[in-house]
Amino acid sequence: MADKTIMLVCAAGMSTSLLVSKMQKAAEEKGIDAEIFANSANEADGSLESKDIDVLLLGPQVRFMKSQFEQKVEGTGIPVDIINMQDYGMVNGEKVLQAALDLMEE
């Protein structure tokens, strides 16, 4: 089992898959054992129930759902944030990974 579990949520779960690959590559390069995966907003509840999530990042296209997800994870200690739009658009896995790691340390 991975040390850190990072869940990304986007509209359909497709657009984020390339970002997940880049984040996994960045994690490997840093020697971080992380499970990073993407879900559509509709599938997110199932993953929240079945996995031990350390951080939840929302794609810019679903940023309007942040308060809903904050309510879903209330009391669990799971931080929720929106992926920086520029990092998302540039598919900057290293920066998004670092943002996730920073959230886990807060």
PDB file of N, CA and C in Angstrom:
ATOM      1  N   MET A   1       0.843  -1.189   0.000  1.00  0.00           N
ATOM      2  CA  MET A   1       0.000   0.000   0.000  1.00  0.00           C
ATOM      3  C   MET A   1       0.887   1.251   0.000  1.00  0.00           C
ATOM      4  N   ALA A   2       0.492   2.223  -0.743  1.00  0.00           N
ATOM      5  CA  ALA A   2       1.266   3.453  -0.890  1.00  0.00           C
ATOM      6  C   ALA A   2       1.240   4.270   0.399  1.00  0.00           C
ATOM      7  N   ASP A   3       2.312   5.036   0.606  1.00  0.00           N
ATOM      8  CA  ASP A   3       2.382   5.913   1.778  1.00  0.00           C
ATOM      9  C   ASP A   3       1.372   7.047   1.691  1.00  0.00           C
ATOM     10  N   LYS A   4       1.169   7.555   0.479  1.00  0.00           N
ATOM     11  CA  LYS A   4       0.275   8.695   0.266  1.00  0.00           C
ATOM     12  C   LYS A   4      -0.723   8.352  -0.840  1.00  0.00           C
ATOM     13  N   THR A   5      -1.966   8.749  -0.645  1.00  0.00           N
ATOM     14  CA  THR A   5      -2.994   8.522  -1.658  1.00  0.00           C
ATOM     15  C   THR A   5      -3.592   9.866  -2.042  1.00  0.00           C
ATOM     16  N   ILE A   6      -3.443  10.199  -3.313  1.00  0.00           N
ATOM     17  CA  ILE A   6      -3.892  11.491  -3.833  1.00  0.00           C
ATOM     18  C   ILE A   6      -4.998  11.237  -4.853  1.00  0.00           C
ATOM     19  N   MET A   7      -6.158  11.821  -4.612  1.00  0.00           N
ATOM     20  CA  MET A   7      -7.282  11.666  -5.534  1.00  0.00           C
ATOM     21  C   MET A   7      -7.534  12.987  -6.241  1.00  0.00           C
ATOM     22  N   LEU A   8      -7.589  12.902  -7.567  1.00  0.00           N
ATOM     23  CA  LEU A   8      -7.948  14.056  -8.377  1.00  0.00           C
ATOM     24  C   LEU A   8      -9.368  13.855  -8.869  1.00  0.00           C
ATOM     25  N   VAL A   9     -10.137  14.909  -8.898  1.00  0.00           N
ATOM     26  CA  VAL A   9     -11.519  14.832  -9.374  1.00  0.00           C
ATOM     27  C   VAL A   9     -11.696  15.834 -10.504  1.00  0.00           C
ATOM     28  N   CYS A  10     -12.243  15.352 -11.615  1.00  0.00           N
ATOM     29  CA  CYS A  10     -12.559  16.258 -12.721  1.00  0.00           C
ATOM     30  C   CYS A  10     -13.950  15.919 -13.237  1.00  0.00           C
ATOM     31  N   ALA A  11     -14.349  16.555 -14.295  1.00  0.00           N
ATOM     32  CA  ALA A  11     -15.716  16.389 -14.797  1.00  0.00           C
ATOM     33  C   ALA A  11     -15.994  14.947 -15.221  1.00  0.00           C
ATOM     34  N   ALA A  12     -15.144  14.382 -16.085  1.00  0.00           N
ATOM     35  CA  ALA A  12     -15.402  13.038 -16.583  1.00  0.00           C
ATOM     36  C   ALA A  12     -14.346  12.025 -16.165  1.00  0.00           C
ATOM     37  N   GLY A  13     -13.266  12.468 -15.545  1.00  0.00           N
ATOM     38  CA  GLY A  13     -12.212  11.549 -15.149  1.00  0.00           C
ATOM     39  C   GLY A  13     -11.194  11.304 -16.243  1.00  0.00           C
ATOM     40  N   MET A  14     -11.415  11.864 -17.429  1.00  0.00           N
ATOM     41  CA  MET A  14     -10.529  11.625 -18.571  1.00  0.00           C
ATOM     42  C   MET A  14      -9.421  12.666 -18.666  1.00  0.00           C
ATOM     43  N   SER A  15      -9.782  13.926 -18.580  1.00  0.00           N
ATOM     44  CA  SER A  15      -8.819  14.998 -18.826  1.00  0.00           C
ATOM     45  C   SER A  15      -7.698  14.998 -17.801  1.00  0.00           C
ATOM     46  N   THR A  16      -7.898  14.370 -16.684  1.00  0.00           N
ATOM     47  CA  THR A  16      -6.916  14.396 -15.618  1.00  0.00           C
ATOM     48  C   THR A  16      -5.938  13.225 -15.706  1.00  0.00           C
ATOM     49  N   SER A  17      -6.197  12.252 -16.571  1.00  0.00           N
ATOM     50  CA  SER A  17      -5.350  11.056 -16.608  1.00  0.00           C
ATOM     51  C   SER A  17      -3.908  11.372 -17.005  1.00  0.00           C
ATOM     52  N   LEU A  18      -3.696  12.312 -17.907  1.00  0.00           N
ATOM     53  CA  LEU A  18      -2.336  12.686 -18.283  1.00  0.00           C
ATOM     54  C   LEU A  18      -1.625  13.350 -17.101  1.00  0.00           C
ATOM     55  N   LEU A  19      -2.348  14.181 -16.375  1.00  0.00           N
ATOM     56  CA  LEU A  19      -1.780  14.829 -15.194  1.00  0.00           C
ATOM     57  C   LEU A  19      -1.394  13.784 -14.147  1.00  0.00           C
ATOM     58  N   VAL A  20      -2.225  12.771 -13.972  1.00  0.00           N
ATOM     59  CA  VAL A  20      -1.920  11.689 -13.026  1.00  0.00           C
ATOM     60  C   VAL A  20      -0.595  11.022 -13.414  1.00  0.00           C
ATOM     61  N   SER A  21      -0.414  10.735 -14.696  1.00  0.00           N
ATOM     62  CA  SER A  21       0.829  10.108 -15.164  1.00  0.00           C
ATOM     63  C   SER A  21       2.039  10.979 -14.856  1.00  0.00           C
ATOM     64  N   LYS A  22       1.909  12.270 -15.113  1.00  0.00           N
ATOM     65  CA  LYS A  22       3.022  13.192 -14.854  1.00  0.00           C
ATOM     66  C   LYS A  22       3.307  13.300 -13.355  1.00  0.00           C
ATOM     67  N   MET A  23       2.243  13.290 -12.538  1.00  0.00           N
ATOM     68  CA  MET A  23       2.423  13.350 -11.089  1.00  0.00           C
ATOM     69  C   MET A  23       3.109  12.080 -10.579  1.00  0.00           C
ATOM     70  N   GLN A  24       2.723  10.916 -11.120  1.00  0.00           N
ATOM     71  CA  GLN A  24       3.333   9.665 -10.698  1.00  0.00           C
ATOM     72  C   GLN A  24       4.822   9.652 -11.047  1.00  0.00           C
ATOM     73  N   LYS A  25       5.149  10.149 -12.228  1.00  0.00           N
ATOM     74  CA  LYS A  25       6.552  10.225 -12.656  1.00  0.00           C
ATOM     75  C   LYS A  25       7.333  11.140 -11.704  1.00  0.00           C
ATOM     76  N   ALA A  26       6.753  12.290 -11.362  1.00  0.00           N
ATOM     77  CA  ALA A  26       7.408  13.226 -10.439  1.00  0.00           C
ATOM     78  C   ALA A  26       7.592  12.584  -9.059  1.00  0.00           C
ATOM     79  N   ALA A  27       6.593  11.838  -8.600  1.00  0.00           N
ATOM     80  CA  ALA A  27       6.685  11.170  -7.295  1.00  0.00           C
ATOM     81  C   ALA A  27       7.810  10.130  -7.311  1.00  0.00           C
ATOM     82  N   GLU A  28       7.888   9.351  -8.388  1.00  0.00           N
ATOM     83  CA  GLU A  28       8.950   8.343  -8.502  1.00  0.00           C
ATOM     84  C   GLU A  28      10.324   9.000  -8.469  1.00  0.00           C
ATOM     85  N   GLU A  29      10.454  10.114  -9.190  1.00  0.00           N
ATOM     86  CA  GLU A  29      11.738  10.824  -9.231  1.00  0.00           C
ATOM     87  C   GLU A  29      12.137  11.354  -7.859  1.00  0.00           C
ATOM     88  N   LYS A  30      11.141  11.678  -7.028  1.00  0.00           N
ATOM     89  CA  LYS A  30      11.412  12.199  -5.681  1.00  0.00           C
ATOM     90  C   LYS A  30      11.492  11.070  -4.643  1.00  0.00           C
ATOM     91  N   GLY A  31      11.268   9.841  -5.080  1.00  0.00           N
ATOM     92  CA  GLY A  31      11.292   8.714  -4.157  1.00  0.00           C
ATOM     93  C   GLY A  31      10.090   8.652  -3.239  1.00  0.00           C
ATOM     94  N   ILE A  32       8.971   9.172  -3.699  1.00  0.00           N
ATOM     95  CA  ILE A  32       7.739   9.191  -2.902  1.00  0.00           C
ATOM     96  C   ILE A  32       6.844   8.038  -3.345  1.00  0.00           C
ATOM     97  N   ASP A  33       6.426   7.227  -2.391  1.00  0.00           N
ATOM     98  CA  ASP A  33       5.524   6.115  -2.667  1.00  0.00           C
ATOM     99  C   ASP A  33       4.092   6.649  -2.597  1.00  0.00           C
ATOM    100  N   ALA A  34       3.515   6.917  -3.761  1.00  0.00           N
ATOM    101  CA  ALA A  34       2.180   7.527  -3.787  1.00  0.00           C
ATOM    102  C   ALA A  34       1.271   6.812  -4.773  1.00  0.00           C
ATOM    103  N   GLU A  35       0.028   6.657  -4.355  1.00  0.00           N
ATOM    104  CA  GLU A  35      -1.020   6.202  -5.275  1.00  0.00           C
ATOM    105  C   GLU A  35      -1.752   7.466  -5.700  1.00  0.00           C
ATOM    106  N   ILE A  36      -1.734   7.725  -6.995  1.00  0.00           N
ATOM    107  CA  ILE A  36      -2.374   8.920  -7.536  1.00  0.00           C
ATOM    108  C   ILE A  36      -3.364   8.454  -8.585  1.00  0.00           C
ATOM    109  N   PHE A  37      -4.604   8.875  -8.439  1.00  0.00           N
ATOM    110  CA  PHE A  37      -5.618   8.445  -9.402  1.00  0.00           C
ATOM    111  C   PHE A  37      -6.646   9.543  -9.612  1.00  0.00           C
ATOM    112  N   ALA A  38      -7.367   9.423 -10.721  1.00  0.00           N
ATOM    113  CA  ALA A  38      -8.398  10.408 -11.053  1.00  0.00           C
ATOM    114  C   ALA A  38      -9.761   9.733 -11.097  1.00  0.00           C
ATOM    115  N   ASN A  39     -10.750  10.468 -10.684  1.00  0.00           N
ATOM    116  CA  ASN A  39     -12.140  10.033 -10.731  1.00  0.00           C
ATOM    117  C   ASN A  39     -12.984  11.142 -11.331  1.00  0.00           C
ATOM    118  N   SER A  40     -14.099  10.747 -11.907  1.00  0.00           N
ATOM    119  CA  SER A  40     -15.080  11.764 -12.279  1.00  0.00           C
ATOM    120  C   SER A  40     -15.779  12.194 -10.995  1.00  0.00           C
ATOM    121  N   ALA A  41     -16.413  13.338 -11.025  1.00  0.00           N
ATOM    122  CA  ALA A  41     -17.129  13.825  -9.842  1.00  0.00           C
ATOM    123  C   ALA A  41     -18.183  12.807  -9.396  1.00  0.00           C
ATOM    124  N   ASN A  42     -18.786  12.103 -10.358  1.00  0.00           N
ATOM    125  CA  ASN A  42     -19.820  11.120 -10.030  1.00  0.00           C
ATOM    126  C   ASN A  42     -19.257   9.891  -9.323  1.00  0.00           C
ATOM    127  N   GLU A  43     -18.010   9.529  -9.629  1.00  0.00           N
ATOM    128  CA  GLU A  43     -17.403   8.333  -9.043  1.00  0.00           C
ATOM    129  C   GLU A  43     -16.672   8.620  -7.737  1.00  0.00           C
ATOM    130  N   ALA A  44     -16.497   9.882  -7.402  1.00  0.00           N
ATOM    131  CA  ALA A  44     -15.667  10.268  -6.263  1.00  0.00           C
ATOM    132  C   ALA A  44     -16.173   9.705  -4.938  1.00  0.00           C
ATOM    133  N   ASP A  45     -17.468   9.670  -4.734  1.00  0.00           N
ATOM    134  CA  ASP A  45     -18.010   9.187  -3.460  1.00  0.00           C
ATOM    135  C   ASP A  45     -17.568   7.757  -3.175  1.00  0.00           C
ATOM    136  N   GLY A  46     -17.609   6.919  -4.200  1.00  0.00           N
ATOM    137  CA  GLY A  46     -17.206   5.521  -4.034  1.00  0.00           C
ATOM    138  C   GLY A  46     -15.757   5.404  -3.591  1.00  0.00           C
ATOM    139  N   SER A  47     -14.885   6.192  -4.197  1.00  0.00           N
ATOM    140  CA  SER A  47     -13.466   6.158  -3.827  1.00  0.00           C
ATOM    141  C   SER A  47     -13.247   6.708  -2.424  1.00  0.00           C
ATOM    142  N   LEU A  48     -13.996   7.747  -2.060  1.00  0.00           N
ATOM    143  CA  LEU A  48     -13.870   8.301  -0.706  1.00  0.00           C
ATOM    144  C   LEU A  48     -14.256   7.267   0.350  1.00  0.00           C
ATOM    145  N   GLU A  49     -15.219   6.402   0.012  1.00  0.00           N
ATOM    146  CA  GLU A  49     -15.669   5.379   0.954  1.00  0.00           C
ATOM    147  C   GLU A  49     -14.725   4.182   0.986  1.00  0.00           C
ATOM    148  N   SER A  50     -14.149   3.828  -0.165  1.00  0.00           N
ATOM    149  CA  SER A  50     -13.381   2.587  -0.252  1.00  0.00           C
ATOM    150  C   SER A  50     -11.878   2.752  -0.100  1.00  0.00           C
ATOM    151  N   LYS A  51     -11.367   3.971  -0.217  1.00  0.00           N
ATOM    152  CA  LYS A  51      -9.917   4.185  -0.137  1.00  0.00           C
ATOM    153  C   LYS A  51      -9.567   5.113   1.013  1.00  0.00           C
ATOM    154  N   ASP A  52      -8.342   5.001   1.461  1.00  0.00           N
ATOM    155  CA  ASP A  52      -7.828   5.861   2.524  1.00  0.00           C
ATOM    156  C   ASP A  52      -7.142   7.053   1.854  1.00  0.00           C
ATOM    157  N   ILE A  53      -7.903   8.098   1.549  1.00  0.00           N
ATOM    158  CA  ILE A  53      -7.425   9.256   0.789  1.00  0.00           C
ATOM    159  C   ILE A  53      -6.684  10.211   1.733  1.00  0.00           C
ATOM    160  N   ASP A  54      -5.518  10.691   1.276  1.00  0.00           N
ATOM    161  CA  ASP A  54      -4.760  11.661   2.064  1.00  0.00           C
ATOM    162  C   ASP A  54      -5.033  13.096   1.635  1.00  0.00           C
ATOM    163  N   VAL A  55      -5.334  13.288   0.362  1.00  0.00           N
ATOM    164  CA  VAL A  55      -5.625  14.634  -0.141  1.00  0.00           C
ATOM    165  C   VAL A  55      -6.526  14.516  -1.371  1.00  0.00           C
ATOM    166  N   LEU A  56      -7.407  15.489  -1.529  1.00  0.00           N
ATOM    167  CA  LEU A  56      -8.361  15.515  -2.644  1.00  0.00           C
ATOM    168  C   LEU A  56      -8.176  16.820  -3.402  1.00  0.00           C
ATOM    169  N   LEU A  57      -7.826  16.697  -4.671  1.00  0.00           N
ATOM    170  CA  LEU A  57      -7.633  17.874  -5.518  1.00  0.00           C
ATOM    171  C   LEU A  57      -8.688  17.899  -6.609  1.00  0.00           C
ATOM    172  N   LEU A  58      -9.290  19.059  -6.803  1.00  0.00           N
ATOM    173  CA  LEU A  58     -10.332  19.220  -7.814  1.00  0.00           C
ATOM    174  C   LEU A  58      -9.761  19.910  -9.047  1.00  0.00           C
ATOM    175  N   GLY A  59     -10.126  19.400 -10.211  1.00  0.00           N
ATOM    176  CA  GLY A  59      -9.753  20.065 -11.453  1.00  0.00           C
ATOM    177  C   GLY A  59     -10.462  21.409 -11.539  1.00  0.00           C
ATOM    178  N   PRO A  60      -9.862  22.368 -12.235  1.00  0.00           N
ATOM    179  CA  PRO A  60     -10.464  23.706 -12.332  1.00  0.00           C
ATOM    180  C   PRO A  60     -11.898  23.692 -12.857  1.00  0.00           C
ATOM    181  N   GLN A  61     -12.221  22.722 -13.710  1.00  0.00           N
ATOM    182  CA  GLN A  61     -13.563  22.685 -14.294  1.00  0.00           C
ATOM    183  C   GLN A  61     -14.646  22.277 -13.298  1.00  0.00           C
ATOM    184  N   VAL A  62     -14.243  21.739 -12.143  1.00  0.00           N
ATOM    185  CA  VAL A  62     -15.232  21.375 -11.109  1.00  0.00           C
ATOM    186  C   VAL A  62     -14.990  22.147  -9.808  1.00  0.00           C
ATOM    187  N   ARG A  63     -14.323  23.294  -9.901  1.00  0.00           N
ATOM    188  CA  ARG A  63     -14.021  24.071  -8.690  1.00  0.00           C
ATOM    189  C   ARG A  63     -15.285  24.499  -7.955  1.00  0.00           C
ATOM    190  N   PHE A  64     -16.392  24.621  -8.683  1.00  0.00           N
ATOM    191  CA  PHE A  64     -17.665  25.006  -8.054  1.00  0.00           C
ATOM    192  C   PHE A  64     -18.161  23.946  -7.069  1.00  0.00           C
ATOM    193  N   MET A  65     -17.568  22.739  -7.096  1.00  0.00           N
ATOM    194  CA  MET A  65     -17.993  21.650  -6.209  1.00  0.00           C
ATOM    195  C   MET A  65     -17.156  21.582  -4.920  1.00  0.00           C
ATOM    196  N   LYS A  66     -16.245  22.520  -4.740  1.00  0.00           N
ATOM    197  CA  LYS A  66     -15.328  22.446  -3.590  1.00  0.00           C
ATOM    198  C   LYS A  66     -16.079  22.352  -2.263  1.00  0.00           C
ATOM    199  N   SER A  67     -17.071  23.194  -2.064  1.00  0.00           N
ATOM    200  CA  SER A  67     -17.786  23.167  -0.779  1.00  0.00           C
ATOM    201  C   SER A  67     -18.521  21.837  -0.579  1.00  0.00           C
ATOM    202  N   GLN A  68     -19.036  21.245  -1.661  1.00  0.00           N
ATOM    203  CA  GLN A  68     -19.698  19.934  -1.550  1.00  0.00           C
ATOM    204  C   GLN A  68     -18.713  18.874  -1.071  1.00  0.00           C
ATOM    205  N   PHE A  69     -17.516  18.886  -1.667  1.00  0.00           N
ATOM    206  CA  PHE A  69     -16.513  17.897  -1.268  1.00  0.00           C
ATOM    207  C   PHE A  69     -15.998  18.162   0.143  1.00  0.00           C
ATOM    208  N   GLU A  70     -15.877  19.418   0.520  1.00  0.00           N
ATOM    209  CA  GLU A  70     -15.456  19.740   1.890  1.00  0.00           C
ATOM    210  C   GLU A  70     -16.464  19.187   2.891  1.00  0.00           C
ATOM    211  N   GLN A  71     -17.745  19.266   2.564  1.00  0.00           N
ATOM    212  CA  GLN A  71     -18.777  18.715   3.446  1.00  0.00           C
ATOM    213  C   GLN A  71     -18.681  17.194   3.515  1.00  0.00           C
ATOM    214  N   LYS A  72     -18.402  16.553   2.355  1.00  0.00           N
ATOM    215  CA  LYS A  72     -18.318  15.088   2.312  1.00  0.00           C
ATOM    216  C   LYS A  72     -17.178  14.561   3.171  1.00  0.00           C
ATOM    217  N   VAL A  73     -16.073  15.305   3.239  1.00  0.00           N
ATOM    218  CA  VAL A  73     -14.915  14.818   3.997  1.00  0.00           C
ATOM    219  C   VAL A  73     -14.781  15.477   5.370  1.00  0.00           C
ATOM    220  N   GLU A  74     -15.777  16.243   5.743  1.00  0.00           N
ATOM    221  CA  GLU A  74     -15.734  16.949   7.030  1.00  0.00           C
ATOM    222  C   GLU A  74     -15.481  15.961   8.164  1.00  0.00           C
ATOM    223  N   GLY A  75     -14.542  16.304   9.024  1.00  0.00           N
ATOM    224  CA  GLY A  75     -14.230  15.451  10.159  1.00  0.00           C
ATOM    225  C   GLY A  75     -13.225  14.350   9.862  1.00  0.00           C
ATOM    226  N   THR A  76     -12.818  14.206   8.601  1.00  0.00           N
ATOM    227  CA  THR A  76     -11.870  13.145   8.238  1.00  0.00           C
ATOM    228  C   THR A  76     -10.437  13.644   8.210  1.00  0.00           C
ATOM    229  N   GLY A  77     -10.262  14.959   8.156  1.00  0.00           N
ATOM    230  CA  GLY A  77      -8.927  15.513   8.067  1.00  0.00           C
ATOM    231  C   GLY A  77      -8.357  15.519   6.654  1.00  0.00           C
ATOM    232  N   ILE A  78      -9.174  15.152   5.667  1.00  0.00           N
ATOM    233  CA  ILE A  78      -8.709  15.141   4.278  1.00  0.00           C
ATOM    234  C   ILE A  78      -8.774  16.570   3.732  1.00  0.00           C
ATOM    235  N   PRO A  79      -7.617  17.132   3.357  1.00  0.00           N
ATOM    236  CA  PRO A  79      -7.654  18.475   2.773  1.00  0.00           C
ATOM    237  C   PRO A  79      -8.213  18.442   1.347  1.00  0.00           C
ATOM    238  N   VAL A  80      -8.950  19.491   1.002  1.00  0.00           N
ATOM    239  CA  VAL A  80      -9.546  19.625  -0.326  1.00  0.00           C
ATOM    240  C   VAL A  80      -9.085  20.955  -0.914  1.00  0.00           C
ATOM    241  N   ASP A  81      -8.623  20.922  -2.158  1.00  0.00           N
ATOM    242  CA  ASP A  81      -8.228  22.165  -2.803  1.00  0.00           C
ATOM    243  C   ASP A  81      -8.441  22.041  -4.299  1.00  0.00           C
ATOM    244  N   ILE A  82      -8.319  23.175  -4.965  1.00  0.00           N
ATOM    245  CA  ILE A  82      -8.483  23.227  -6.422  1.00  0.00           C
ATOM    246  C   ILE A  82      -7.096  23.287  -7.053  1.00  0.00           C
ATOM    247  N   ILE A  83      -6.895  22.494  -8.091  1.00  0.00           N
ATOM    248  CA  ILE A  83      -5.616  22.495  -8.801  1.00  0.00           C
ATOM    249  C   ILE A  83      -5.444  23.846  -9.487  1.00  0.00           C
ATOM    250  N   ASN A  84      -4.272  24.417  -9.340  1.00  0.00           N
ATOM    251  CA  ASN A  84      -3.949  25.676 -10.011  1.00  0.00           C
ATOM    252  C   ASN A  84      -4.239  25.534 -11.505  1.00  0.00           C
ATOM    253  N   MET A  85      -5.009  26.486 -12.045  1.00  0.00           N
ATOM    254  CA  MET A  85      -5.450  26.384 -13.433  1.00  0.00           C
ATOM    255  C   MET A  85      -4.275  26.339 -14.412  1.00  0.00           C
ATOM    256  N   GLN A  86      -3.256  27.137 -14.150  1.00  0.00           N
ATOM    257  CA  GLN A  86      -2.095  27.157 -15.050  1.00  0.00           C
ATOM    258  C   GLN A  86      -1.342  25.824 -14.995  1.00  0.00           C
ATOM    259  N   ASP A  87      -1.142  25.285 -13.786  1.00  0.00           N
ATOM    260  CA  ASP A  87      -0.459  23.997 -13.652  1.00  0.00           C
ATOM    261  C   ASP A  87      -1.272  22.886 -14.301  1.00  0.00           C
ATOM    262  N   TYR A  88      -2.592  22.964 -14.175  1.00  0.00           N
ATOM    263  CA  TYR A  88      -3.472  21.971 -14.786  1.00  0.00           C
ATOM    264  C   TYR A  88      -3.365  22.048 -16.308  1.00  0.00           C
ATOM    265  N   GLY A  89      -3.457  23.261 -16.838  1.00  0.00           N
ATOM    266  CA  GLY A  89      -3.406  23.460 -18.280  1.00  0.00           C
ATOM    267  C   GLY A  89      -2.070  23.065 -18.884  1.00  0.00           C
ATOM    268  N   MET A  90      -0.980  23.299 -18.135  1.00  0.00           N
ATOM    269  CA  MET A  90       0.363  22.948 -18.608  1.00  0.00           C
ATOM    270  C   MET A  90       0.723  21.499 -18.251  1.00  0.00           C
ATOM    271  N   VAL A  91      -0.197  20.813 -17.602  1.00  0.00           N
ATOM    272  CA  VAL A  91      -0.003  19.431 -17.143  1.00  0.00           C
ATOM    273  C   VAL A  91       1.317  19.319 -16.372  1.00  0.00           C
ATOM    274  N   ASN A  92       1.490  20.218 -15.415  1.00  0.00           N
ATOM    275  CA  ASN A  92       2.709  20.275 -14.616  1.00  0.00           C
ATOM    276  C   ASN A  92       2.562  19.350 -13.403  1.00  0.00           C
ATOM    277  N   GLY A  93       2.867  18.091 -13.617  1.00  0.00           N
ATOM    278  CA  GLY A  93       2.712  17.090 -12.563  1.00  0.00           C
ATOM    279  C   GLY A  93       3.536  17.377 -11.333  1.00  0.00           C
ATOM    280  N   GLU A  94       4.731  17.919 -11.530  1.00  0.00           N
ATOM    281  CA  GLU A  94       5.609  18.205 -10.391  1.00  0.00           C
ATOM    282  C   GLU A  94       5.010  19.266  -9.473  1.00  0.00           C
ATOM    283  N   LYS A  95       4.478  20.331 -10.060  1.00  0.00           N
ATOM    284  CA  LYS A  95       3.890  21.403  -9.236  1.00  0.00           C
ATOM    285  C   LYS A  95       2.614  20.941  -8.544  1.00  0.00           C
ATOM    286  N   VAL A  96       1.783  20.183  -9.251  1.00  0.00           N
ATOM    287  CA  VAL A  96       0.534  19.705  -8.646  1.00  0.00           C
ATOM    288  C   VAL A  96       0.849  18.708  -7.536  1.00  0.00           C
ATOM    289  N   LEU A  97       1.847  17.851  -7.754  1.00  0.00           N
ATOM    290  CA  LEU A  97       2.269  16.924  -6.704  1.00  0.00           C
ATOM    291  C   LEU A  97       2.745  17.696  -5.478  1.00  0.00           C
ATOM    292  N   GLN A  98       3.557  18.715  -5.694  1.00  0.00           N
ATOM    293  CA  GLN A  98       4.066  19.504  -4.574  1.00  0.00           C
ATOM    294  C   GLN A  98       2.931  20.194  -3.818  1.00  0.00           C
ATOM    295  N   ALA A  99       1.938  20.677  -4.552  1.00  0.00           N
ATOM    296  CA  ALA A  99       0.774  21.302  -3.907  1.00  0.00           C
ATOM    297  C   ALA A  99       0.042  20.289  -3.020  1.00  0.00           C
ATOM    298  N   ALA A 100      -0.089  19.057  -3.511  1.00  0.00           N
ATOM    299  CA  ALA A 100      -0.748  18.009  -2.743  1.00  0.00           C
ATOM    300  C   ALA A 100       0.059  17.676  -1.493  1.00  0.00           C
ATOM    301  N   LEU A 101       1.384  17.556  -1.641  1.00  0.00           N
ATOM    302  CA  LEU A 101       2.236  17.257  -0.497  1.00  0.00           C
ATOM    303  C   LEU A 101       2.177  18.369   0.546  1.00  0.00           C
ATOM    304  N   ASP A 102       2.170  19.610   0.074  1.00  0.00           N
ATOM    305  CA  ASP A 102       2.071  20.760   0.983  1.00  0.00           C
ATOM    306  C   ASP A 102       0.773  20.718   1.777  1.00  0.00           C
ATOM    307  N   LEU A 103      -0.326  20.349   1.132  1.00  0.00           N
ATOM    308  CA  LEU A 103      -1.616  20.282   1.818  1.00  0.00           C
ATOM    309  C   LEU A 103      -1.616  19.221   2.909  1.00  0.00           C
ATOM    310  N   MET A 104      -0.917  18.115   2.644  1.00  0.00           N
ATOM    311  CA  MET A 104      -0.873  17.020   3.626  1.00  0.00           C
ATOM    312  C   MET A 104      -0.086  17.412   4.863  1.00  0.00           C
ATOM    313  N   GLU A 105       0.835  18.378   4.716  1.00  0.00           N
ATOM    314  CA  GLU A 105       1.672  18.772   5.848  1.00  0.00           C
ATOM    315  C   GLU A 105       1.043  19.872   6.692  1.00  0.00           C
ATOM    316  N   GLU A 106      -0.003  20.503   6.207  1.00  0.00           N
ATOM    317  CA  GLU A 106      -0.624  21.615   6.941  1.00  0.00           C
ATOM    318  C   GLU A 106      -1.345  21.130   8.179  1.00  0.00           C
TER     319      GLU A 106
END
